[in-house]
Amino acid sequence: MEMQEYIPIDLFCKQHGIEVTVISSLHEYGLIELIQIDESEYLLNKQLADAEKIVRLYSDLNINPEGIDVILNLLQTIKEMQSQIGFFKNRLNIYEESDI
């Protein structure tokens, strides 16, 4: 992978006004994935949006890592249920159109 696919966590923390220890604790809890290259740790560019969401929950709303984990699981469950509802709506429309 190329370096442009990574964001140094010290730069990420500086831009979001948080300590590096915050990212480290979120990583230890399994909420954020970090990559270590040489002596530095990096965040994957494709995880940037999720990492920013997690940091906002942690710093702006003072939610602990356990609470963030619950929130993320609930959001994932909602997303899956919305997908299932869309699937069933489409199936129902097929049967309703065949009655016409």
PDB file of N, CA and C in Angstrom:
ATOM      1  N   MET A   1       0.835  -1.181   0.000  1.00  0.00           N
ATOM      2  CA  MET A   1       0.000   0.000   0.000  1.00  0.00           C
ATOM      3  C   MET A   1       0.879   1.243   0.000  1.00  0.00           C
ATOM      4  N   GLU A   2       0.393   2.267  -0.619  1.00  0.00           N
ATOM      5  CA  GLU A   2       1.147   3.510  -0.695  1.00  0.00           C
ATOM      6  C   GLU A   2       0.927   4.344   0.561  1.00  0.00           C
ATOM      7  N   MET A   3       1.848   5.258   0.844  1.00  0.00           N
ATOM      8  CA  MET A   3       1.755   6.092   2.028  1.00  0.00           C
ATOM      9  C   MET A   3       0.526   6.991   2.004  1.00  0.00           C
ATOM     10  N   GLN A   4       0.040   7.385   0.837  1.00  0.00           N
ATOM     11  CA  GLN A   4      -1.096   8.292   0.771  1.00  0.00           C
ATOM     12  C   GLN A   4      -2.377   7.639   1.273  1.00  0.00           C
ATOM     13  N   GLU A   5      -2.379   6.335   1.449  1.00  0.00           N
ATOM     14  CA  GLU A   5      -3.542   5.635   1.964  1.00  0.00           C
ATOM     15  C   GLU A   5      -3.590   5.660   3.480  1.00  0.00           C
ATOM     16  N   TYR A   6      -2.572   6.243   4.118  1.00  0.00           N
ATOM     17  CA  TYR A   6      -2.477   6.293   5.562  1.00  0.00           C
ATOM     18  C   TYR A   6      -2.479   7.732   6.044  1.00  0.00           C
ATOM     19  N   ILE A   7      -3.011   7.914   7.242  1.00  0.00           N
ATOM     20  CA  ILE A   7      -3.001   9.221   7.887  1.00  0.00           C
ATOM     21  C   ILE A   7      -2.263   9.049   9.208  1.00  0.00           C
ATOM     22  N   PRO A   8      -1.203   9.806   9.434  1.00  0.00           N
ATOM     23  CA  PRO A   8      -0.497   9.701  10.719  1.00  0.00           C
ATOM     24  C   PRO A   8      -1.440  10.071  11.864  1.00  0.00           C
ATOM     25  N   ILE A   9      -1.441   9.281  12.928  1.00  0.00           N
ATOM     26  CA  ILE A   9      -2.393   9.564  14.001  1.00  0.00           C
ATOM     27  C   ILE A   9      -2.067  10.860  14.728  1.00  0.00           C
ATOM     28  N   ASP A  10      -0.788  11.257  14.746  1.00  0.00           N
ATOM     29  CA  ASP A  10      -0.479  12.531  15.391  1.00  0.00           C
ATOM     30  C   ASP A  10      -1.082  13.702  14.615  1.00  0.00           C
ATOM     31  N   LEU A  11      -1.112  13.609  13.278  1.00  0.00           N
ATOM     32  CA  LEU A  11      -1.751  14.636  12.456  1.00  0.00           C
ATOM     33  C   LEU A  11      -3.267  14.615  12.653  1.00  0.00           C
ATOM     34  N   PHE A  12      -3.851  13.422  12.673  1.00  0.00           N
ATOM     35  CA  PHE A  12      -5.288  13.279  12.900  1.00  0.00           C
ATOM     36  C   PHE A  12      -5.678  13.877  14.251  1.00  0.00           C
ATOM     37  N   CYS A  13      -4.906  13.559  15.278  1.00  0.00           N
ATOM     38  CA  CYS A  13      -5.200  14.069  16.617  1.00  0.00           C
ATOM     39  C   CYS A  13      -5.049  15.584  16.688  1.00  0.00           C
ATOM     40  N   LYS A  14      -4.039  16.111  16.030  1.00  0.00           N
ATOM     41  CA  LYS A  14      -3.826  17.562  16.019  1.00  0.00           C
ATOM     42  C   LYS A  14      -5.003  18.266  15.343  1.00  0.00           C
ATOM     43  N   GLN A  15      -5.485  17.728  14.228  1.00  0.00           N
ATOM     44  CA  GLN A  15      -6.594  18.338  13.511  1.00  0.00           C
ATOM     45  C   GLN A  15      -7.901  18.268  14.290  1.00  0.00           C
ATOM     46  N   HIS A  16      -8.044  17.258  15.154  1.00  0.00           N
ATOM     47  CA  HIS A  16      -9.282  17.088  15.908  1.00  0.00           C
ATOM     48  C   HIS A  16      -9.166  17.554  17.355  1.00  0.00           C
ATOM     49  N   GLY A  17      -8.010  18.071  17.717  1.00  0.00           N
ATOM     50  CA  GLY A  17      -7.807  18.633  19.047  1.00  0.00           C
ATOM     51  C   GLY A  17      -7.897  17.609  20.171  1.00  0.00           C
ATOM     52  N   ILE A  18      -7.364  16.423  19.930  1.00  0.00           N
ATOM     53  CA  ILE A  18      -7.379  15.375  20.950  1.00  0.00           C
ATOM     54  C   ILE A  18      -5.961  14.862  21.165  1.00  0.00           C
ATOM     55  N   GLU A  19      -5.784  14.160  22.261  1.00  0.00           N
ATOM     56  CA  GLU A  19      -4.489  13.553  22.571  1.00  0.00           C
ATOM     57  C   GLU A  19      -4.348  12.227  21.827  1.00  0.00           C
ATOM     58  N   VAL A  20      -3.127  11.844  21.542  1.00  0.00           N
ATOM     59  CA  VAL A  20      -2.849  10.573  20.876  1.00  0.00           C
ATOM     60  C   VAL A  20      -3.312   9.409  21.756  1.00  0.00           C
ATOM     61  N   THR A  21      -3.298   9.610  23.067  1.00  0.00           N
ATOM     62  CA  THR A  21      -3.731   8.552  23.985  1.00  0.00           C
ATOM     63  C   THR A  21      -5.207   8.205  23.783  1.00  0.00           C
ATOM     64  N   VAL A  22      -5.997   9.162  23.339  1.00  0.00           N
ATOM     65  CA  VAL A  22      -7.410   8.895  23.066  1.00  0.00           C
ATOM     66  C   VAL A  22      -7.530   7.876  21.943  1.00  0.00           C
ATOM     67  N   ILE A  23      -6.800   8.098  20.859  1.00  0.00           N
ATOM     68  CA  ILE A  23      -6.822   7.170  19.727  1.00  0.00           C
ATOM     69  C   ILE A  23      -6.273   5.814  20.157  1.00  0.00           C
ATOM     70  N   SER A  24      -5.231   5.828  20.961  1.00  0.00           N
ATOM     71  CA  SER A  24      -4.651   4.566  21.434  1.00  0.00           C
ATOM     72  C   SER A  24      -5.658   3.780  22.265  1.00  0.00           C
ATOM     73  N   SER A  25      -6.390   4.455  23.136  1.00  0.00           N
ATOM     74  CA  SER A  25      -7.368   3.738  23.956  1.00  0.00           C
ATOM     75  C   SER A  25      -8.526   3.222  23.108  1.00  0.00           C
ATOM     76  N   LEU A  26      -8.945   3.997  22.111  1.00  0.00           N
ATOM     77  CA  LEU A  26      -9.999   3.535  21.212  1.00  0.00           C
ATOM     78  C   LEU A  26      -9.520   2.339  20.379  1.00  0.00           C
ATOM     79  N   HIS A  27      -8.255   2.366  20.024  1.00  0.00           N
ATOM     80  CA  HIS A  27      -7.661   1.234  19.292  1.00  0.00           C
ATOM     81  C   HIS A  27      -7.588  -0.008  20.182  1.00  0.00           C
ATOM     82  N   GLU A  28      -7.176   0.176  21.426  1.00  0.00           N
ATOM     83  CA  GLU A  28      -7.083  -0.948  22.354  1.00  0.00           C
ATOM     84  C   GLU A  28      -8.445  -1.590  22.585  1.00  0.00           C
ATOM     85  N   TYR A  29      -9.501  -0.786  22.559  1.00  0.00           N
ATOM     86  CA  TYR A  29     -10.848  -1.321  22.751  1.00  0.00           C
ATOM     87  C   TYR A  29     -11.375  -1.969  21.471  1.00  0.00           C
ATOM     88  N   GLY A  30     -10.707  -1.727  20.345  1.00  0.00           N
ATOM     89  CA  GLY A  30     -11.104  -2.360  19.082  1.00  0.00           C
ATOM     90  C   GLY A  30     -12.030  -1.518  18.233  1.00  0.00           C
ATOM     91  N   LEU A  31     -12.145  -0.236  18.557  1.00  0.00           N
ATOM     92  CA  LEU A  31     -13.042   0.637  17.798  1.00  0.00           C
ATOM     93  C   LEU A  31     -12.377   1.257  16.574  1.00  0.00           C
ATOM     94  N   ILE A  32     -11.068   1.421  16.641  1.00  0.00           N
ATOM     95  CA  ILE A  32     -10.311   2.029  15.548  1.00  0.00           C
ATOM     96  C   ILE A  32      -9.137   1.116  15.221  1.00  0.00           C
ATOM     97  N   GLU A  33      -8.915   0.901  13.935  1.00  0.00           N
ATOM     98  CA  GLU A  33      -7.788   0.070  13.507  1.00  0.00           C
ATOM     99  C   GLU A  33      -6.611   0.974  13.151  1.00  0.00           C
ATOM    100  N   LEU A  34      -5.469   0.661  13.702  1.00  0.00           N
ATOM    101  CA  LEU A  34      -4.247   1.410  13.411  1.00  0.00           C
ATOM    102  C   LEU A  34      -3.228   0.481  12.771  1.00  0.00           C
ATOM    103  N   ILE A  35      -2.414   1.048  11.907  1.00  0.00           N
ATOM    104  CA  ILE A  35      -1.339   0.324  11.239  1.00  0.00           C
ATOM    105  C   ILE A  35      -0.023   0.918  11.726  1.00  0.00           C
ATOM    106  N   GLN A  36       0.916   0.062  12.106  1.00  0.00           N
ATOM    107  CA  GLN A  36       2.213   0.548  12.528  1.00  0.00           C
ATOM    108  C   GLN A  36       3.221   0.312  11.420  1.00  0.00           C
ATOM    109  N   ILE A  37       3.849   1.397  11.007  1.00  0.00           N
ATOM    110  CA  ILE A  37       4.911   1.345  10.006  1.00  0.00           C
ATOM    111  C   ILE A  37       6.135   1.984  10.638  1.00  0.00           C
ATOM    112  N   ASP A  38       7.193   1.216  10.715  1.00  0.00           N
ATOM    113  CA  ASP A  38       8.416   1.628  11.406  1.00  0.00           C
ATOM    114  C   ASP A  38       8.056   1.976  12.849  1.00  0.00           C
ATOM    115  N   GLU A  39       8.266   3.196  13.251  1.00  0.00           N
ATOM    116  CA  GLU A  39       7.997   3.611  14.636  1.00  0.00           C
ATOM    117  C   GLU A  39       6.709   4.423  14.769  1.00  0.00           C
ATOM    118  N   SER A  40       6.009   4.643  13.663  1.00  0.00           N
ATOM    119  CA  SER A  40       4.818   5.495  13.687  1.00  0.00           C
ATOM    120  C   SER A  40       3.552   4.682  13.465  1.00  0.00           C
ATOM    121  N   GLU A  41       2.449   5.189  14.008  1.00  0.00           N
ATOM    122  CA  GLU A  41       1.154   4.554  13.803  1.00  0.00           C
ATOM    123  C   GLU A  41       0.307   5.410  12.867  1.00  0.00           C
ATOM    124  N   TYR A  42      -0.472   4.714  12.043  1.00  0.00           N
ATOM    125  CA  TYR A  42      -1.270   5.383  11.023  1.00  0.00           C
ATOM    126  C   TYR A  42      -2.693   4.861  11.040  1.00  0.00           C
ATOM    127  N   LEU A  43      -3.579   5.703  10.560  1.00  0.00           N
ATOM    128  CA  LEU A  43      -4.982   5.372  10.388  1.00  0.00           C
ATOM    129  C   LEU A  43      -5.218   5.167   8.901  1.00  0.00           C
ATOM    130  N   LEU A  44      -5.959   4.133   8.544  1.00  0.00           N
ATOM    131  CA  LEU A  44      -6.264   3.917   7.131  1.00  0.00           C
ATOM    132  C   LEU A  44      -7.177   5.030   6.625  1.00  0.00           C
ATOM    133  N   ASN A  45      -6.906   5.533   5.449  1.00  0.00           N
ATOM    134  CA  ASN A  45      -7.679   6.623   4.863  1.00  0.00           C
ATOM    135  C   ASN A  45      -9.149   6.237   4.708  1.00  0.00           C
ATOM    136  N   LYS A  46      -9.429   4.958   4.387  1.00  0.00           N
ATOM    137  CA  LYS A  46     -10.804   4.535   4.190  1.00  0.00           C
ATOM    138  C   LYS A  46     -11.583   4.467   5.501  1.00  0.00           C
ATOM    139  N   GLN A  47     -10.895   4.518   6.644  1.00  0.00           N
ATOM    140  CA  GLN A  47     -11.555   4.504   7.947  1.00  0.00           C
ATOM    141  C   GLN A  47     -11.720   5.899   8.538  1.00  0.00           C
ATOM    142  N   LEU A  48     -11.360   6.907   7.776  1.00  0.00           N
ATOM    143  CA  LEU A  48     -11.360   8.268   8.295  1.00  0.00           C
ATOM    144  C   LEU A  48     -12.738   8.702   8.781  1.00  0.00           C
ATOM    145  N   ALA A  49     -13.775   8.466   7.999  1.00  0.00           N
ATOM    146  CA  ALA A  49     -15.123   8.898   8.383  1.00  0.00           C
ATOM    147  C   ALA A  49     -15.574   8.207   9.667  1.00  0.00           C
ATOM    148  N   ASP A  50     -15.317   6.910   9.780  1.00  0.00           N
ATOM    149  CA  ASP A  50     -15.693   6.186  10.995  1.00  0.00           C
ATOM    150  C   ASP A  50     -14.892   6.683  12.194  1.00  0.00           C
ATOM    151  N   ALA A  51     -13.611   6.929  11.996  1.00  0.00           N
ATOM    152  CA  ALA A  51     -12.768   7.409  13.090  1.00  0.00           C
ATOM    153  C   ALA A  51     -13.234   8.783  13.567  1.00  0.00           C
ATOM    154  N   GLU A  52     -13.612   9.652  12.631  1.00  0.00           N
ATOM    155  CA  GLU A  52     -14.104  10.972  13.015  1.00  0.00           C
ATOM    156  C   GLU A  52     -15.415  10.864  13.788  1.00  0.00           C
ATOM    157  N   LYS A  53     -16.290   9.956  13.372  1.00  0.00           N
ATOM    158  CA  LYS A  53     -17.556   9.747  14.086  1.00  0.00           C
ATOM    159  C   LYS A  53     -17.282   9.269  15.511  1.00  0.00           C
ATOM    160  N   ILE A  54     -16.368   8.328  15.655  1.00  0.00           N
ATOM    161  CA  ILE A  54     -16.034   7.779  16.963  1.00  0.00           C
ATOM    162  C   ILE A  54     -15.419   8.850  17.859  1.00  0.00           C
ATOM    163  N   VAL A  55     -14.528   9.661  17.300  1.00  0.00           N
ATOM    164  CA  VAL A  55     -13.878  10.721  18.078  1.00  0.00           C
ATOM    165  C   VAL A  55     -14.905  11.758  18.517  1.00  0.00           C
ATOM    166  N   ARG A  56     -15.859  12.093  17.652  1.00  0.00           N
ATOM    167  CA  ARG A  56     -16.910  13.051  18.052  1.00  0.00           C
ATOM    168  C   ARG A  56     -17.741  12.492  19.197  1.00  0.00           C
ATOM    169  N   LEU A  57     -18.102  11.219  19.122  1.00  0.00           N
ATOM    170  CA  LEU A  57     -18.861  10.610  20.210  1.00  0.00           C
ATOM    171  C   LEU A  57     -18.058  10.637  21.511  1.00  0.00           C
ATOM    172  N   TYR A  58     -16.776  10.364  21.403  1.00  0.00           N
ATOM    173  CA  TYR A  58     -15.917  10.291  22.574  1.00  0.00           C
ATOM    174  C   TYR A  58     -15.661  11.675  23.174  1.00  0.00           C
ATOM    175  N   SER A  59     -15.259  12.618  22.348  1.00  0.00           N
ATOM    176  CA  SER A  59     -14.836  13.912  22.888  1.00  0.00           C
ATOM    177  C   SER A  59     -15.985  14.908  23.038  1.00  0.00           C
ATOM    178  N   ASP A  60     -16.872  15.003  22.061  1.00  0.00           N
ATOM    179  CA  ASP A  60     -17.944  15.994  22.131  1.00  0.00           C
ATOM    180  C   ASP A  60     -19.074  15.576  23.064  1.00  0.00           C
ATOM    181  N   LEU A  61     -19.402  14.289  23.072  1.00  0.00           N
ATOM    182  CA  LEU A  61     -20.527  13.811  23.873  1.00  0.00           C
ATOM    183  C   LEU A  61     -20.094  13.066  25.137  1.00  0.00           C
ATOM    184  N   ASN A  62     -18.769  12.954  25.334  1.00  0.00           N
ATOM    185  CA  ASN A  62     -18.206  12.287  26.517  1.00  0.00           C
ATOM    186  C   ASN A  62     -18.728  10.867  26.709  1.00  0.00           C
ATOM    187  N   ILE A  63     -18.810  10.125  25.620  1.00  0.00           N
ATOM    188  CA  ILE A  63     -19.254   8.733  25.684  1.00  0.00           C
ATOM    189  C   ILE A  63     -18.014   7.846  25.773  1.00  0.00           C
ATOM    190  N   ASN A  64     -18.038   6.908  26.706  1.00  0.00           N
ATOM    191  CA  ASN A  64     -16.887   6.032  26.899  1.00  0.00           C
ATOM    192  C   ASN A  64     -16.821   4.986  25.781  1.00  0.00           C
ATOM    193  N   PRO A  65     -15.680   4.297  25.636  1.00  0.00           N
ATOM    194  CA  PRO A  65     -15.532   3.308  24.558  1.00  0.00           C
ATOM    195  C   PRO A  65     -16.600   2.219  24.559  1.00  0.00           C
ATOM    196  N   GLU A  66     -17.027   1.788  25.740  1.00  0.00           N
ATOM    197  CA  GLU A  66     -18.068   0.766  25.810  1.00  0.00           C
ATOM    198  C   GLU A  66     -19.372   1.286  25.218  1.00  0.00           C
ATOM    199  N   GLY A  67     -19.713   2.532  25.548  1.00  0.00           N
ATOM    200  CA  GLY A  67     -20.921   3.153  25.013  1.00  0.00           C
ATOM    201  C   GLY A  67     -20.838   3.348  23.509  1.00  0.00           C
ATOM    202  N   ILE A  68     -19.663   3.733  23.027  1.00  0.00           N
ATOM    203  CA  ILE A  68     -19.472   3.909  21.586  1.00  0.00           C
ATOM    204  C   ILE A  68     -19.662   2.581  20.871  1.00  0.00           C
ATOM    205  N   ASP A  69     -19.125   1.511  21.467  1.00  0.00           N
ATOM    206  CA  ASP A  69     -19.288   0.187  20.871  1.00  0.00           C
ATOM    207  C   ASP A  69     -20.762  -0.176  20.762  1.00  0.00           C
ATOM    208  N   VAL A  70     -21.532   0.094  21.795  1.00  0.00           N
ATOM    209  CA  VAL A  70     -22.970  -0.189  21.772  1.00  0.00           C
ATOM    210  C   VAL A  70     -23.658   0.644  20.692  1.00  0.00           C
ATOM    211  N   ILE A  71     -23.322   1.929  20.620  1.00  0.00           N
ATOM    212  CA  ILE A  71     -23.931   2.817  19.626  1.00  0.00           C
ATOM    213  C   ILE A  71     -23.627   2.327  18.212  1.00  0.00           C
ATOM    214  N   LEU A  72     -22.368   1.978  17.952  1.00  0.00           N
ATOM    215  CA  LEU A  72     -21.989   1.507  16.617  1.00  0.00           C
ATOM    216  C   LEU A  72     -22.702   0.210  16.259  1.00  0.00           C
ATOM    217  N   ASN A  73     -22.837  -0.692  17.238  1.00  0.00           N
ATOM    218  CA  ASN A  73     -23.568  -1.937  16.982  1.00  0.00           C
ATOM    219  C   ASN A  73     -25.041  -1.667  16.689  1.00  0.00           C
ATOM    220  N   LEU A  74     -25.641  -0.745  17.430  1.00  0.00           N
ATOM    221  CA  LEU A  74     -27.044  -0.391  17.181  1.00  0.00           C
ATOM    222  C   LEU A  74     -27.218   0.250  15.798  1.00  0.00           C
ATOM    223  N   LEU A  75     -26.294   1.124  15.425  1.00  0.00           N
ATOM    224  CA  LEU A  75     -26.369   1.749  14.097  1.00  0.00           C
ATOM    225  C   LEU A  75     -26.234   0.708  12.992  1.00  0.00           C
ATOM    226  N   GLN A  76     -25.356  -0.269  13.182  1.00  0.00           N
ATOM    227  CA  GLN A  76     -25.194  -1.341  12.199  1.00  0.00           C
ATOM    228  C   GLN A  76     -26.460  -2.179  12.113  1.00  0.00           C
ATOM    229  N   THR A  77     -27.074  -2.457  13.250  1.00  0.00           N
ATOM    230  CA  THR A  77     -28.322  -3.223  13.275  1.00  0.00           C
ATOM    231  C   THR A  77     -29.436  -2.472  12.556  1.00  0.00           C
ATOM    232  N   ILE A  78     -29.513  -1.170  12.790  1.00  0.00           N
ATOM    233  CA  ILE A  78     -30.524  -0.343  12.112  1.00  0.00           C
ATOM    234  C   ILE A  78     -30.305  -0.368  10.607  1.00  0.00           C
ATOM    235  N   LYS A  79     -29.053  -0.250  10.190  1.00  0.00           N
ATOM    236  CA  LYS A  79     -28.737  -0.268   8.756  1.00  0.00           C
ATOM    237  C   LYS A  79     -29.150  -1.599   8.120  1.00  0.00           C
ATOM    238  N   GLU A  80     -28.863  -2.697   8.813  1.00  0.00           N
ATOM    239  CA  GLU A  80     -29.245  -4.019   8.297  1.00  0.00           C
ATOM    240  C   GLU A  80     -30.759  -4.170   8.235  1.00  0.00           C
ATOM    241  N   MET A  81     -31.453  -3.670   9.257  1.00  0.00           N
ATOM    242  CA  MET A  81     -32.912  -3.772   9.274  1.00  0.00           C
ATOM    243  C   MET A  81     -33.533  -2.920   8.163  1.00  0.00           C
ATOM    244  N   GLN A  82     -32.970  -1.738   7.917  1.00  0.00           N
ATOM    245  CA  GLN A  82     -33.466  -0.903   6.830  1.00  0.00           C
ATOM    246  C   GLN A  82     -33.278  -1.596   5.489  1.00  0.00           C
ATOM    247  N   SER A  83     -32.171  -2.281   5.334  1.00  0.00           N
ATOM    248  CA  SER A  83     -31.927  -3.028   4.110  1.00  0.00           C
ATOM    249  C   SER A  83     -32.949  -4.151   3.953  1.00  0.00           C
ATOM    250  N   GLN A  84     -33.226  -4.858   5.028  1.00  0.00           N
ATOM    251  CA  GLN A  84     -34.216  -5.927   4.988  1.00  0.00           C
ATOM    252  C   GLN A  84     -35.611  -5.383   4.691  1.00  0.00           C
ATOM    253  N   ILE A  85     -35.950  -4.254   5.273  1.00  0.00           N
ATOM    254  CA  ILE A  85     -37.257  -3.648   5.016  1.00  0.00           C
ATOM    255  C   ILE A  85     -37.383  -3.287   3.540  1.00  0.00           C
ATOM    256  N   GLY A  86     -36.326  -2.711   2.970  1.00  0.00           N
ATOM    257  CA  GLY A  86     -36.335  -2.391   1.543  1.00  0.00           C
ATOM    258  C   GLY A  86     -36.507  -3.636   0.692  1.00  0.00           C
ATOM    259  N   PHE A  87     -35.833  -4.712   1.063  1.00  0.00           N
ATOM    260  CA  PHE A  87     -35.956  -5.966   0.338  1.00  0.00           C
ATOM    261  C   PHE A  87     -37.393  -6.471   0.390  1.00  0.00           C
ATOM    262  N   PHE A  88     -37.980  -6.468   1.578  1.00  0.00           N
ATOM    263  CA  PHE A  88     -39.348  -6.974   1.726  1.00  0.00           C
ATOM    264  C   PHE A  88     -40.371  -6.069   1.046  1.00  0.00           C
ATOM    265  N   LYS A  89     -40.121  -4.769   1.031  1.00  0.00           N
ATOM    266  CA  LYS A  89     -41.010  -3.857   0.299  1.00  0.00           C
ATOM    267  C   LYS A  89     -40.987  -4.186  -1.192  1.00  0.00           C
ATOM    268  N   ASN A  90     -39.810  -4.427  -1.706  1.00  0.00           N
ATOM    269  CA  ASN A  90     -39.693  -4.786  -3.125  1.00  0.00           C
ATOM    270  C   ASN A  90     -40.403  -6.100  -3.421  1.00  0.00           C
ATOM    271  N   ARG A  91     -40.242  -7.065  -2.546  1.00  0.00           N
ATOM    272  CA  ARG A  91     -40.930  -8.351  -2.736  1.00  0.00           C
ATOM    273  C   ARG A  91     -42.442  -8.170  -2.672  1.00  0.00           C
ATOM    274  N   LEU A  92     -42.903  -7.354  -1.739  1.00  0.00           N
ATOM    275  CA  LEU A  92     -44.333  -7.101  -1.595  1.00  0.00           C
ATOM    276  C   LEU A  92     -44.880  -6.384  -2.829  1.00  0.00           C
ATOM    277  N   ASN A  93     -44.123  -5.457  -3.371  1.00  0.00           N
ATOM    278  CA  ASN A  93     -44.547  -4.741  -4.582  1.00  0.00           C
ATOM    279  C   ASN A  93     -44.705  -5.697  -5.760  1.00  0.00           C
ATOM    280  N   ILE A  94     -43.859  -6.696  -5.839  1.00  0.00           N
ATOM    281  CA  ILE A  94     -43.964  -7.684  -6.915  1.00  0.00           C
ATOM    282  C   ILE A  94     -45.303  -8.406  -6.828  1.00  0.00           C
ATOM    283  N   TYR A  95     -45.690  -8.801  -5.632  1.00  0.00           N
ATOM    284  CA  TYR A  95     -46.953  -9.521  -5.462  1.00  0.00           C
ATOM    285  C   TYR A  95     -48.154  -8.601  -5.642  1.00  0.00           C
ATOM    286  N   GLU A  96     -48.034  -7.343  -5.232  1.00  0.00           N
ATOM    287  CA  GLU A  96     -49.140  -6.408  -5.398  1.00  0.00           C
ATOM    288  C   GLU A  96     -49.355  -6.075  -6.879  1.00  0.00           C
ATOM    289  N   GLU A  97     -48.253  -5.961  -7.632  1.00  0.00           N
ATOM    290  CA  GLU A  97     -48.371  -5.650  -9.060  1.00  0.00           C
ATOM    291  C   GLU A  97     -48.937  -6.813  -9.846  1.00  0.00           C
ATOM    292  N   SER A  98     -48.721  -8.030  -9.388  1.00  0.00           N
ATOM    293  CA  SER A  98     -49.250  -9.183 -10.114  1.00  0.00           C
ATOM    294  C   SER A  98     -50.752  -9.334  -9.920  1.00  0.00           C
ATOM    295  N   ASP A  99     -51.314  -8.710  -8.905  1.00  0.00           N
ATOM    296  CA  ASP A  99     -52.762  -8.764  -8.663  1.00  0.00           C
ATOM    297  C   ASP A  99     -53.516  -7.789  -9.564  1.00  0.00           C
ATOM    298  N   ILE A 100     -52.840  -6.836 -10.135  1.00  0.00           N
ATOM    299  CA  ILE A 100     -53.502  -5.807 -10.957  1.00  0.00           C
ATOM    300  C   ILE A 100     -53.916  -6.338 -12.288  1.00  0.00           C
TER     301      ILE A 100
END
